[in-house]
Structures are given as structure tokens and as C-alpha cells.
Amino acid sequence: MKFTCWSQSPETLITNAPGWDEADATESEQDVKADMEPYVDPKTLKRETAEWIESHIDDDGNIEKI
């Protein structure tokens, strides 16, 4: 399964910056936002990530491009 455009999704996994548009940010800005995210235990992170991917994947196994 191939995942594309993870960081350019219309919805973000970043919770600490409401209204922030990840698609308009540089990779460096995205890294800083990710580093500032509150700690989430690995089990929860795995579950939330899997749910996010499942809700954004197309029939070919790709994440939708914006």
C-alpha cells in the first residue's frame, strides 16, 4: 500500500494549532508544530493514526491529494 501527500491532507493530525493550514507550511514549520504536540502514548497514537489513514485513503490505497 502506498501513502502519498501525508502532510498535505486537508485535515491535520496537529491538535495544538487550531486553524493552522499544514499545506501552506514549510517542512520545517511542520516539524516544529509536530514537536510541540502534547505527548500521546504510542498505543493511542497508533490507533489514531490508523483511523485517520482509514478515513482518508482512496480505493487505490493512496491518501487523497488536495
Protein backbone atom coordinates (compact mmCIF):
# COMPACT_ATOMS: atom_id res chain seq x y z
CA MET A 1 0.00 0.00 0.00
CA LYS A 2 1.40 3.39 -0.98
CA PHE A 3 0.58 6.52 1.02
CA THR A 4 1.04 9.90 -0.66
CA CYS A 5 0.63 13.51 0.45
CA TRP A 6 0.53 12.67 4.16
CA SER A 7 1.50 16.19 5.22
CA GLN A 8 -0.71 17.88 2.61
CA SER A 9 -4.01 16.44 3.73
CA PRO A 10 -6.93 18.85 4.09
CA GLU A 11 -7.19 17.77 7.71
CA THR A 12 -4.24 17.74 10.04
CA LEU A 13 -3.18 15.45 12.84
CA ILE A 14 -1.74 18.51 14.63
CA THR A 15 -4.05 19.40 17.54
CA ASN A 16 -2.20 22.28 19.21
CA ALA A 17 -2.70 24.82 16.41
CA PRO A 18 -6.39 25.20 15.50
CA GLY A 19 -6.89 26.78 12.09
CA TRP A 20 -3.29 26.18 11.06
CA ASP A 21 -3.03 25.13 7.42
CA GLU A 22 -0.41 22.43 7.18
CA ALA A 23 -0.44 22.55 3.36
CA ASP A 24 0.81 26.16 3.37
CA ALA A 25 3.66 25.48 5.81
CA THR A 26 7.25 24.61 5.05
CA GLU A 27 8.55 21.23 6.11
CA SER A 28 10.48 22.98 8.89
CA GLU A 29 7.30 24.65 10.19
CA GLN A 30 5.52 21.30 10.11
CA ASP A 31 8.36 19.74 12.12
CA VAL A 32 8.17 22.48 14.77
CA LYS A 33 4.39 22.05 15.10
CA ALA A 34 4.80 18.29 15.45
CA ASP A 35 7.50 18.73 18.10
CA MET A 36 5.16 20.99 20.10
CA GLU A 37 2.34 18.43 20.15
CA PRO A 38 1.42 17.12 23.59
CA TYR A 39 2.69 13.65 24.49
CA VAL A 40 0.47 10.81 23.33
CA ASP A 41 1.25 7.26 24.34
CA PRO A 42 2.29 5.02 21.41
CA LYS A 43 -0.80 2.80 21.63
CA THR A 44 -3.15 5.79 21.29
CA LEU A 45 -1.00 7.35 18.56
CA LYS A 46 -1.07 4.10 16.59
CA ARG A 47 -4.86 3.84 16.88
CA GLU A 48 -5.49 7.50 15.95
CA THR A 49 -3.12 7.33 13.00
CA ALA A 50 -4.73 4.15 11.69
CA GLU A 51 -8.19 5.75 12.00
CA TRP A 52 -7.00 8.89 10.20
CA ILE A 53 -5.48 6.89 7.35
CA GLU A 54 -8.58 4.74 7.04
CA SER A 55 -10.77 7.83 6.73
CA HIS A 56 -8.52 9.47 4.08
CA ILE A 57 -7.47 6.56 1.87
CA ASP A 58 -8.84 6.12 -1.65
CA ASP A 59 -9.66 2.88 -3.44
CA ASP A 60 -6.10 2.64 -4.81
CA GLY A 61 -4.52 2.83 -1.35
CA ASN A 62 -3.38 6.46 -1.65
CA ILE A 63 -4.04 9.40 0.63
CA GLU A 64 -6.13 11.98 -1.23
CA LYS A 65 -4.24 14.96 -2.64
CA ILE A 66 -5.58 18.46 -2.11
